[in-house]
């Protein structure tokens, strides 16, 4: 199993619409990933461990069965996914694919 991590670094002036993200963007990703998607988790950053400002305003984990199928989906639908980002944030996400051990 693999986990596709999408992290939005916190920054001064950051905007993030969690309602839109959870109700519109995540369902878009779920539809595009289809049977490959096992689980989705969205987290809102509250603070760093020491109480400072959270380094990430939002993090999402998307567990998938196949890394190759994920890459194919992103290649085929990347423009549609990217075009939706301004609807909920002014940040650029950091992307990482992990193997779940």
PDB file of N, CA and C in Angstrom:
ATOM      1  N   UNK A   1       0.845  -1.172   0.000  1.00  0.00           N
ATOM      2  CA  UNK A   1       0.000   0.000   0.000  1.00  0.00           C
ATOM      3  C   UNK A   1       0.889   1.233   0.000  1.00  0.00           C
ATOM      4  N   UNK A   2       0.335   2.324  -0.540  1.00  0.00           N
ATOM      5  CA  UNK A   2       1.060   3.573  -0.667  1.00  0.00           C
ATOM      6  C   UNK A   2       0.221   4.708  -0.092  1.00  0.00           C
ATOM      7  N   UNK A   3       0.897   5.755   0.355  1.00  0.00           N
ATOM      8  CA  UNK A   3       0.217   6.934   0.868  1.00  0.00           C
ATOM      9  C   UNK A   3       0.722   8.149   0.091  1.00  0.00           C
ATOM     10  N   UNK A   4      -0.198   8.808  -0.575  1.00  0.00           N
ATOM     11  CA  UNK A   4       0.101  10.036  -1.305  1.00  0.00           C
ATOM     12  C   UNK A   4      -0.179  11.191  -0.348  1.00  0.00           C
ATOM     13  N   UNK A   5       0.872  11.916   0.010  1.00  0.00           N
ATOM     14  CA  UNK A   5       0.779  12.999   0.984  1.00  0.00           C
ATOM     15  C   UNK A   5       0.740  14.330   0.234  1.00  0.00           C
ATOM     16  N   UNK A   6      -0.263  15.132   0.573  1.00  0.00           N
ATOM     17  CA  UNK A   6      -0.416  16.468   0.005  1.00  0.00           C
ATOM     18  C   UNK A   6      -0.355  17.440   1.181  1.00  0.00           C
ATOM     19  N   UNK A   7       0.680  18.282   1.209  1.00  0.00           N
ATOM     20  CA  UNK A   7       0.891  19.184   2.341  1.00  0.00           C
ATOM     21  C   UNK A   7       0.913  20.625   1.859  1.00  0.00           C
ATOM     22  N   UNK A   8       0.168  21.473   2.554  1.00  0.00           N
ATOM     23  CA  UNK A   8       0.096  22.890   2.222  1.00  0.00           C
ATOM     24  C   UNK A   8       0.836  23.679   3.304  1.00  0.00           C
ATOM     25  N   UNK A   9       2.059  24.161   3.000  1.00  0.00           N
ATOM     26  CA  UNK A   9       2.838  24.903   4.003  1.00  0.00           C
ATOM     27  C   UNK A   9       2.121  26.188   4.415  1.00  0.00           C
ATOM     28  N   UNK A  10       2.117  26.430   5.702  1.00  0.00           N
ATOM     29  CA  UNK A  10       1.518  27.647   6.233  1.00  0.00           C
ATOM     30  C   UNK A  10       2.401  28.832   5.865  1.00  0.00           C
ATOM     31  N   UNK A  11       1.794  29.969   5.608  1.00  0.00           N
ATOM     32  CA  UNK A  11       2.542  31.169   5.230  1.00  0.00           C
ATOM     33  C   UNK A  11       1.703  32.391   5.578  1.00  0.00           C
ATOM     34  N   UNK A  12       2.356  33.528   5.826  1.00  0.00           N
ATOM     35  CA  UNK A  12       1.587  34.759   6.059  1.00  0.00           C
ATOM     36  C   UNK A  12       0.665  35.027   4.866  1.00  0.00           C
ATOM     37  N   UNK A  13      -0.573  35.375   5.140  1.00  0.00           N
ATOM     38  CA  UNK A  13      -1.544  35.662   4.086  1.00  0.00           C
ATOM     39  C   UNK A  13      -2.172  34.431   3.472  1.00  0.00           C
ATOM     40  N   UNK A  14      -1.880  33.254   4.036  1.00  0.00           N
ATOM     41  CA  UNK A  14      -2.442  32.014   3.494  1.00  0.00           C
ATOM     42  C   UNK A  14      -3.952  31.993   3.657  1.00  0.00           C
ATOM     43  N   UNK A  15      -4.621  31.517   2.623  1.00  0.00           N
ATOM     44  CA  UNK A  15      -6.065  31.270   2.729  1.00  0.00           C
ATOM     45  C   UNK A  15      -6.289  29.799   2.412  1.00  0.00           C
ATOM     46  N   UNK A  16      -7.237  29.207   3.117  1.00  0.00           N
ATOM     47  CA  UNK A  16      -7.564  27.805   2.871  1.00  0.00           C
ATOM     48  C   UNK A  16      -9.010  27.578   3.262  1.00  0.00           C
ATOM     49  N   UNK A  17      -9.827  27.175   2.290  1.00  0.00           N
ATOM     50  CA  UNK A  17     -11.244  26.916   2.506  1.00  0.00           C
ATOM     51  C   UNK A  17     -11.430  25.414   2.727  1.00  0.00           C
ATOM     52  N   UNK A  18     -11.466  25.010   3.996  1.00  0.00           N
ATOM     53  CA  UNK A  18     -11.580  23.594   4.329  1.00  0.00           C
ATOM     54  C   UNK A  18     -12.922  23.004   3.896  1.00  0.00           C
ATOM     55  N   UNK A  19     -13.977  23.805   3.923  1.00  0.00           N
ATOM     56  CA  UNK A  19     -15.288  23.306   3.479  1.00  0.00           C
ATOM     57  C   UNK A  19     -15.226  22.926   2.009  1.00  0.00           C
ATOM     58  N   UNK A  20     -14.703  23.822   1.184  1.00  0.00           N
ATOM     59  CA  UNK A  20     -14.590  23.514  -0.243  1.00  0.00           C
ATOM     60  C   UNK A  20     -13.673  22.311  -0.456  1.00  0.00           C
ATOM     61  N   UNK A  21     -12.555  22.295   0.230  1.00  0.00           N
ATOM     62  CA  UNK A  21     -11.577  21.209   0.068  1.00  0.00           C
ATOM     63  C   UNK A  21     -12.208  19.855   0.380  1.00  0.00           C
ATOM     64  N   UNK A  22     -12.917  19.794   1.497  1.00  0.00           N
ATOM     65  CA  UNK A  22     -13.505  18.512   1.928  1.00  0.00           C
ATOM     66  C   UNK A  22     -14.757  18.135   1.131  1.00  0.00           C
ATOM     67  N   UNK A  23     -15.539  19.122   0.715  1.00  0.00           N
ATOM     68  CA  UNK A  23     -16.812  18.835   0.045  1.00  0.00           C
ATOM     69  C   UNK A  23     -16.724  18.804  -1.482  1.00  0.00           C
ATOM     70  N   UNK A  24     -15.680  19.411  -2.052  1.00  0.00           N
ATOM     71  CA  UNK A  24     -15.563  19.478  -3.511  1.00  0.00           C
ATOM     72  C   UNK A  24     -14.271  18.841  -4.033  1.00  0.00           C
ATOM     73  N   UNK A  25     -13.131  19.274  -3.495  1.00  0.00           N
ATOM     74  CA  UNK A  25     -11.855  18.809  -4.048  1.00  0.00           C
ATOM     75  C   UNK A  25     -11.581  17.342  -3.723  1.00  0.00           C
ATOM     76  N   UNK A  26     -11.774  16.952  -2.479  1.00  0.00           N
ATOM     77  CA  UNK A  26     -11.529  15.556  -2.111  1.00  0.00           C
ATOM     78  C   UNK A  26     -12.473  14.614  -2.863  1.00  0.00           C
ATOM     79  N   UNK A  27     -13.761  14.927  -3.009  1.00  0.00           N
ATOM     80  CA  UNK A  27     -14.609  14.068  -3.847  1.00  0.00           C
ATOM     81  C   UNK A  27     -14.142  13.993  -5.309  1.00  0.00           C
ATOM     82  N   UNK A  28     -13.603  15.098  -5.835  1.00  0.00           N
ATOM     83  CA  UNK A  28     -13.036  15.066  -7.186  1.00  0.00           C
ATOM     84  C   UNK A  28     -11.891  14.061  -7.248  1.00  0.00           C
ATOM     85  N   UNK A  29     -10.969  14.140  -6.286  1.00  0.00           N
ATOM     86  CA  UNK A  29      -9.856  13.196  -6.250  1.00  0.00           C
ATOM     87  C   UNK A  29     -10.355  11.761  -6.076  1.00  0.00           C
ATOM     88  N   UNK A  30     -11.320  11.584  -5.209  1.00  0.00           N
ATOM     89  CA  UNK A  30     -11.870  10.246  -4.963  1.00  0.00           C
ATOM     90  C   UNK A  30     -12.466   9.658  -6.242  1.00  0.00           C
ATOM     91  N   UNK A  31     -13.204  10.485  -6.966  1.00  0.00           N
ATOM     92  CA  UNK A  31     -13.808  10.020  -8.224  1.00  0.00           C
ATOM     93  C   UNK A  31     -12.726   9.631  -9.239  1.00  0.00           C
ATOM     94  N   UNK A  32     -11.695  10.465  -9.348  1.00  0.00           N
ATOM     95  CA  UNK A  32     -10.636  10.203 -10.326  1.00  0.00           C
ATOM     96  C   UNK A  32      -9.797   8.980  -9.945  1.00  0.00           C
ATOM     97  N   UNK A  33      -9.537   8.793  -8.656  1.00  0.00           N
ATOM     98  CA  UNK A  33      -8.722   7.651  -8.214  1.00  0.00           C
ATOM     99  C   UNK A  33      -9.499   6.347  -8.208  1.00  0.00           C
ATOM    100  N   UNK A  34     -10.805   6.428  -8.071  1.00  0.00           N
ATOM    101  CA  UNK A  34     -11.662   5.248  -8.175  1.00  0.00           C
ATOM    102  C   UNK A  34     -11.286   4.128  -7.218  1.00  0.00           C
ATOM    103  N   UNK A  35     -11.258   2.909  -7.744  1.00  0.00           N
ATOM    104  CA  UNK A  35     -11.011   1.701  -6.950  1.00  0.00           C
ATOM    105  C   UNK A  35      -9.609   1.666  -6.345  1.00  0.00           C
ATOM    106  N   UNK A  36      -8.698   2.462  -6.861  1.00  0.00           N
ATOM    107  CA  UNK A  36      -7.335   2.492  -6.328  1.00  0.00           C
ATOM    108  C   UNK A  36      -7.293   3.151  -4.943  1.00  0.00           C
ATOM    109  N   UNK A  37      -8.247   4.022  -4.656  1.00  0.00           N
ATOM    110  CA  UNK A  37      -8.276   4.751  -3.394  1.00  0.00           C
ATOM    111  C   UNK A  37      -8.847   3.878  -2.282  1.00  0.00           C
ATOM    112  N   UNK A  38      -8.094   3.767  -1.189  1.00  0.00           N
ATOM    113  CA  UNK A  38      -8.496   2.955  -0.044  1.00  0.00           C
ATOM    114  C   UNK A  38      -9.063   3.828   1.072  1.00  0.00           C
ATOM    115  N   UNK A  39      -8.420   4.968   1.324  1.00  0.00           N
ATOM    116  CA  UNK A  39      -8.771   5.801   2.482  1.00  0.00           C
ATOM    117  C   UNK A  39      -8.258   7.209   2.260  1.00  0.00           C
ATOM    118  N   UNK A  40      -8.982   8.193   2.792  1.00  0.00           N
ATOM    119  CA  UNK A  40      -8.566   9.596   2.731  1.00  0.00           C
ATOM    120  C   UNK A  40      -8.617  10.170   4.139  1.00  0.00           C
ATOM    121  N   UNK A  41      -7.612  10.963   4.467  1.00  0.00           N
ATOM    122  CA  UNK A  41      -7.572  11.656   5.755  1.00  0.00           C
ATOM    123  C   UNK A  41      -7.152  13.091   5.493  1.00  0.00           C
ATOM    124  N   UNK A  42      -7.936  14.045   5.970  1.00  0.00           N
ATOM    125  CA  UNK A  42      -7.611  15.467   5.852  1.00  0.00           C
ATOM    126  C   UNK A  42      -7.410  16.007   7.263  1.00  0.00           C
ATOM    127  N   UNK A  43      -6.302  16.745   7.438  1.00  0.00           N
ATOM    128  CA  UNK A  43      -5.983  17.302   8.754  1.00  0.00           C
ATOM    129  C   UNK A  43      -5.738  18.804   8.651  1.00  0.00           C
ATOM    130  N   UNK A  44      -6.265  19.532   9.642  1.00  0.00           N
ATOM    131  CA  UNK A  44      -6.070  20.980   9.733  1.00  0.00           C
ATOM    132  C   UNK A  44      -4.997  21.254  10.781  1.00  0.00           C
ATOM    133  N   UNK A  45      -3.935  21.946  10.383  1.00  0.00           N
ATOM    134  CA  UNK A  45      -2.844  22.250  11.309  1.00  0.00           C
ATOM    135  C   UNK A  45      -3.279  23.246  12.373  1.00  0.00           C
ATOM    136  N   UNK A  46      -3.053  22.897  13.636  1.00  0.00           N
ATOM    137  CA  UNK A  46      -3.404  23.780  14.742  1.00  0.00           C
ATOM    138  C   UNK A  46      -2.195  24.506  15.303  1.00  0.00           C
ATOM    139  N   UNK A  47      -1.090  23.778  15.514  1.00  0.00           N
ATOM    140  CA  UNK A  47       0.125  24.397  16.032  1.00  0.00           C
ATOM    141  C   UNK A  47       1.279  23.422  15.882  1.00  0.00           C
ATOM    142  N   UNK A  48       2.478  23.951  16.015  1.00  0.00           N
ATOM    143  CA  UNK A  48       3.662  23.097  16.118  1.00  0.00           C
ATOM    144  C   UNK A  48       3.648  22.472  17.512  1.00  0.00           C
ATOM    145  N   UNK A  49       4.488  21.495  17.745  1.00  0.00           N
ATOM    146  CA  UNK A  49       4.533  20.819  19.044  1.00  0.00           C
ATOM    147  C   UNK A  49       4.836  21.775  20.187  1.00  0.00           C
ATOM    148  N   UNK A  50       5.609  22.829  19.909  1.00  0.00           N
ATOM    149  CA  UNK A  50       5.971  23.783  20.959  1.00  0.00           C
ATOM    150  C   UNK A  50       4.958  24.918  21.101  1.00  0.00           C
ATOM    151  N   UNK A  51       3.850  24.843  20.379  1.00  0.00           N
ATOM    152  CA  UNK A  51       2.821  25.871  20.453  1.00  0.00           C
ATOM    153  C   UNK A  51       2.956  26.968  19.414  1.00  0.00           C
ATOM    154  N   UNK A  52       4.035  26.962  18.668  1.00  0.00           N
ATOM    155  CA  UNK A  52       4.223  27.953  17.598  1.00  0.00           C
ATOM    156  C   UNK A  52       3.207  27.707  16.479  1.00  0.00           C
ATOM    157  N   UNK A  53       3.192  28.589  15.518  1.00  0.00           N
ATOM    158  CA  UNK A  53       2.300  28.458  14.369  1.00  0.00           C
ATOM    159  C   UNK A  53       2.554  27.122  13.669  1.00  0.00           C
ATOM    160  N   UNK A  54       1.487  26.465  13.273  1.00  0.00           N
ATOM    161  CA  UNK A  54       1.603  25.184  12.573  1.00  0.00           C
ATOM    162  C   UNK A  54       2.399  25.361  11.289  1.00  0.00           C
ATOM    163  N   UNK A  55       3.366  24.481  11.011  1.00  0.00           N
ATOM    164  CA  UNK A  55       4.135  24.599   9.777  1.00  0.00           C
ATOM    165  C   UNK A  55       3.301  24.296   8.525  1.00  0.00           C
ATOM    166  N   UNK A  56       2.225  23.531   8.698  1.00  0.00           N
ATOM    167  CA  UNK A  56       1.340  23.206   7.575  1.00  0.00           C
ATOM    168  C   UNK A  56      -0.083  23.578   7.948  1.00  0.00           C
ATOM    169  N   UNK A  57      -0.766  24.301   7.049  1.00  0.00           N
ATOM    170  CA  UNK A  57      -2.146  24.687   7.296  1.00  0.00           C
ATOM    171  C   UNK A  57      -3.082  23.497   7.064  1.00  0.00           C
ATOM    172  N   UNK A  58      -2.696  22.618   6.128  1.00  0.00           N
ATOM    173  CA  UNK A  58      -3.491  21.437   5.822  1.00  0.00           C
ATOM    174  C   UNK A  58      -2.574  20.333   5.320  1.00  0.00           C
ATOM    175  N   UNK A  59      -2.925  19.108   5.705  1.00  0.00           N
ATOM    176  CA  UNK A  59      -2.248  17.927   5.168  1.00  0.00           C
ATOM    177  C   UNK A  59      -3.326  16.907   4.837  1.00  0.00           C
ATOM    178  N   UNK A  60      -3.158  16.250   3.714  1.00  0.00           N
ATOM    179  CA  UNK A  60      -4.080  15.187   3.327  1.00  0.00           C
ATOM    180  C   UNK A  60      -3.269  13.945   2.997  1.00  0.00           C
ATOM    181  N   UNK A  61      -3.760  12.818   3.451  1.00  0.00           N
ATOM    182  CA  UNK A  61      -3.172  11.522   3.120  1.00  0.00           C
ATOM    183  C   UNK A  61      -4.191  10.746   2.318  1.00  0.00           C
ATOM    184  N   UNK A  62      -3.771  10.268   1.160  1.00  0.00           N
ATOM    185  CA  UNK A  62      -4.632   9.440   0.322  1.00  0.00           C
ATOM    186  C   UNK A  62      -3.958   8.086   0.164  1.00  0.00           C
ATOM    187  N   UNK A  63      -4.533   7.063   0.768  1.00  0.00           N
ATOM    188  CA  UNK A  63      -3.975   5.720   0.690  1.00  0.00           C
ATOM    189  C   UNK A  63      -4.467   5.059  -0.587  1.00  0.00           C
ATOM    190  N   UNK A  64      -3.518   4.543  -1.365  1.00  0.00           N
ATOM    191  CA  UNK A  64      -3.840   3.893  -2.633  1.00  0.00           C
ATOM    192  C   UNK A  64      -3.166   2.528  -2.702  1.00  0.00           C
ATOM    193  N   UNK A  65      -3.735   1.669  -3.527  1.00  0.00           N
ATOM    194  CA  UNK A  65      -3.198   0.319  -3.696  1.00  0.00           C
ATOM    195  C   UNK A  65      -2.003   0.281  -4.640  1.00  0.00           C
ATOM    196  N   UNK A  66      -2.043   1.112  -5.680  1.00  0.00           N
ATOM    197  CA  UNK A  66      -1.030   1.051  -6.728  1.00  0.00           C
ATOM    198  C   UNK A  66      -0.407   2.424  -6.973  1.00  0.00           C
ATOM    199  N   UNK A  67       0.911   2.516  -6.808  1.00  0.00           N
ATOM    200  CA  UNK A  67       1.632   3.756  -7.103  1.00  0.00           C
ATOM    201  C   UNK A  67       1.580   4.055  -8.595  1.00  0.00           C
ATOM    202  N   UNK A  68       1.678   3.028  -9.408  1.00  0.00           N
ATOM    203  CA  UNK A  68       1.655   3.216 -10.859  1.00  0.00           C
ATOM    204  C   UNK A  68       0.307   3.763 -11.321  1.00  0.00           C
ATOM    205  N   UNK A  69      -0.769   3.220 -10.755  1.00  0.00           N
ATOM    206  CA  UNK A  69      -2.102   3.694 -11.124  1.00  0.00           C
ATOM    207  C   UNK A  69      -2.308   5.133 -10.645  1.00  0.00           C
ATOM    208  N   UNK A  70      -1.775   5.473  -9.477  1.00  0.00           N
ATOM    209  CA  UNK A  70      -1.837   6.851  -8.982  1.00  0.00           C
ATOM    210  C   UNK A  70      -1.134   7.789  -9.960  1.00  0.00           C
ATOM    211  N   UNK A  71       0.080   7.428 -10.357  1.00  0.00           N
ATOM    212  CA  UNK A  71       0.837   8.274 -11.307  1.00  0.00           C
ATOM    213  C   UNK A  71       0.081   8.436 -12.623  1.00  0.00           C
ATOM    214  N   UNK A  72      -0.513   7.365 -13.092  1.00  0.00           N
ATOM    215  CA  UNK A  72      -1.284   7.419 -14.334  1.00  0.00           C
ATOM    216  C   UNK A  72      -2.477   8.366 -14.198  1.00  0.00           C
ATOM    217  N   UNK A  73      -3.176   8.265 -13.083  1.00  0.00           N
ATOM    218  CA  UNK A  73      -4.328   9.141 -12.832  1.00  0.00           C
ATOM    219  C   UNK A  73      -3.878  10.594 -12.777  1.00  0.00           C
ATOM    220  N   UNK A  74      -2.776  10.857 -12.087  1.00  0.00           N
ATOM    221  CA  UNK A  74      -2.277  12.232 -11.995  1.00  0.00           C
ATOM    222  C   UNK A  74      -1.814  12.747 -13.352  1.00  0.00           C
ATOM    223  N   UNK A  75      -1.186  11.896 -14.150  1.00  0.00           N
ATOM    224  CA  UNK A  75      -0.757  12.301 -15.491  1.00  0.00           C
ATOM    225  C   UNK A  75      -1.955  12.656 -16.369  1.00  0.00           C
ATOM    226  N   UNK A  76      -2.994  11.838 -16.294  1.00  0.00           N
ATOM    227  CA  UNK A  76      -4.176  12.039 -17.141  1.00  0.00           C
ATOM    228  C   UNK A  76      -5.042  13.208 -16.682  1.00  0.00           C
ATOM    229  N   UNK A  77      -5.068  13.470 -15.379  1.00  0.00           N
ATOM    230  CA  UNK A  77      -6.018  14.431 -14.826  1.00  0.00           C
ATOM    231  C   UNK A  77      -5.364  15.591 -14.076  1.00  0.00           C
ATOM    232  N   UNK A  78      -4.056  15.714 -14.195  1.00  0.00           N
ATOM    233  CA  UNK A  78      -3.342  16.751 -13.457  1.00  0.00           C
ATOM    234  C   UNK A  78      -3.830  18.156 -13.732  1.00  0.00           C
ATOM    235  N   UNK A  79      -4.180  18.449 -14.981  1.00  0.00           N
ATOM    236  CA  UNK A  79      -4.649  19.798 -15.315  1.00  0.00           C
ATOM    237  C   UNK A  79      -5.968  20.107 -14.609  1.00  0.00           C
ATOM    238  N   UNK A  80      -6.876  19.129 -14.580  1.00  0.00           N
ATOM    239  CA  UNK A  80      -8.170  19.320 -13.915  1.00  0.00           C
ATOM    240  C   UNK A  80      -7.980  19.512 -12.403  1.00  0.00           C
ATOM    241  N   UNK A  81      -7.109  18.702 -11.823  1.00  0.00           N
ATOM    242  CA  UNK A  81      -6.845  18.796 -10.385  1.00  0.00           C
ATOM    243  C   UNK A  81      -6.212  20.144 -10.058  1.00  0.00           C
ATOM    244  N   UNK A  82      -5.200  20.520 -10.811  1.00  0.00           N
ATOM    245  CA  UNK A  82      -4.506  21.800 -10.568  1.00  0.00           C
ATOM    246  C   UNK A  82      -5.416  23.003 -10.766  1.00  0.00           C
ATOM    247  N   UNK A  83      -6.310  22.925 -11.738  1.00  0.00           N
ATOM    248  CA  UNK A  83      -7.222  24.044 -12.010  1.00  0.00           C
ATOM    249  C   UNK A  83      -8.175  24.298 -10.849  1.00  0.00           C
ATOM    250  N   UNK A  84      -8.411  23.286 -10.022  1.00  0.00           N
ATOM    251  CA  UNK A  84      -9.331  23.438  -8.895  1.00  0.00           C
ATOM    252  C   UNK A  84      -8.654  24.064  -7.669  1.00  0.00           C
ATOM    253  N   UNK A  85      -7.342  24.027  -7.590  1.00  0.00           N
ATOM    254  CA  UNK A  85      -6.622  24.501  -6.403  1.00  0.00           C
ATOM    255  C   UNK A  85      -6.964  25.951  -6.040  1.00  0.00           C
ATOM    256  N   UNK A  86      -7.020  26.901  -6.993  1.00  0.00           N
ATOM    257  CA  UNK A  86      -7.355  28.291  -6.620  1.00  0.00           C
ATOM    258  C   UNK A  86      -8.753  28.450  -6.016  1.00  0.00           C
ATOM    259  N   UNK A  87      -9.610  27.447  -6.158  1.00  0.00           N
ATOM    260  CA  UNK A  87     -10.944  27.518  -5.565  1.00  0.00           C
ATOM    261  C   UNK A  87     -10.923  27.384  -4.045  1.00  0.00           C
ATOM    262  N   UNK A  88      -9.816  26.867  -3.489  1.00  0.00           N
ATOM    263  CA  UNK A  88      -9.780  26.693  -2.029  1.00  0.00           C
ATOM    264  C   UNK A  88      -8.517  27.236  -1.358  1.00  0.00           C
ATOM    265  N   UNK A  89      -7.481  27.567  -2.118  1.00  0.00           N
ATOM    266  CA  UNK A  89      -6.275  28.079  -1.473  1.00  0.00           C
ATOM    267  C   UNK A  89      -5.442  28.931  -2.420  1.00  0.00           C
ATOM    268  N   UNK A  90      -4.579  29.738  -1.821  1.00  0.00           N
ATOM    269  CA  UNK A  90      -3.591  30.507  -2.575  1.00  0.00           C
ATOM    270  C   UNK A  90      -2.189  29.923  -2.370  1.00  0.00           C
ATOM    271  N   UNK A  91      -2.131  28.707  -1.839  1.00  0.00           N
ATOM    272  CA  UNK A  91      -0.868  28.024  -1.566  1.00  0.00           C
ATOM    273  C   UNK A  91      -0.576  26.963  -2.620  1.00  0.00           C
ATOM    274  N   UNK A  92       0.689  26.636  -2.760  1.00  0.00           N
ATOM    275  CA  UNK A  92       1.096  25.529  -3.633  1.00  0.00           C
ATOM    276  C   UNK A  92       1.392  24.314  -2.758  1.00  0.00           C
ATOM    277  N   UNK A  93       0.794  23.168  -3.084  1.00  0.00           N
ATOM    278  CA  UNK A  93       1.017  21.990  -2.254  1.00  0.00           C
ATOM    279  C   UNK A  93       2.374  21.342  -2.501  1.00  0.00           C
ATOM    280  N   UNK A  94       2.876  20.715  -1.458  1.00  0.00           N
ATOM    281  CA  UNK A  94       4.036  19.827  -1.567  1.00  0.00           C
ATOM    282  C   UNK A  94       3.477  18.417  -1.685  1.00  0.00           C
ATOM    283  N   UNK A  95       4.035  17.628  -2.588  1.00  0.00           N
ATOM    284  CA  UNK A  95       3.514  16.283  -2.847  1.00  0.00           C
ATOM    285  C   UNK A  95       4.590  15.251  -2.553  1.00  0.00           C
ATOM    286  N   UNK A  96       4.176  14.152  -1.938  1.00  0.00           N
ATOM    287  CA  UNK A  96       5.119  13.068  -1.646  1.00  0.00           C
ATOM    288  C   UNK A  96       4.377  11.741  -1.702  1.00  0.00           C
ATOM    289  N   UNK A  97       5.027  10.737  -2.289  1.00  0.00           N
ATOM    290  CA  UNK A  97       4.483   9.392  -2.311  1.00  0.00           C
ATOM    291  C   UNK A  97       5.294   8.529  -1.369  1.00  0.00           C
ATOM    292  N   UNK A  98       4.606   7.876  -0.430  1.00  0.00           N
ATOM    293  CA  UNK A  98       5.270   7.018   0.553  1.00  0.00           C
ATOM    294  C   UNK A  98       4.813   5.582   0.379  1.00  0.00           C
ATOM    295  N   UNK A  99       5.705   4.670   0.669  1.00  0.00           N
ATOM    296  CA  UNK A  99       5.326   3.256   0.780  1.00  0.00           C
ATOM    297  C   UNK A  99       4.987   3.021   2.246  1.00  0.00           C
ATOM    298  N   UNK A 100       3.815   2.449   2.503  1.00  0.00           N
ATOM    299  CA  UNK A 100       3.399   2.154   3.865  1.00  0.00           C
ATOM    300  C   UNK A 100       4.005   0.815   4.245  1.00  0.00           C
ATOM    301  N   UNK A 101       4.802   0.820   5.320  1.00  0.00           N
ATOM    302  CA  UNK A 101       5.493  -0.399   5.753  1.00  0.00           C
ATOM    303  C   UNK A 101       4.700  -1.124   6.823  1.00  0.00           C
TER     304      UNK A 101
END
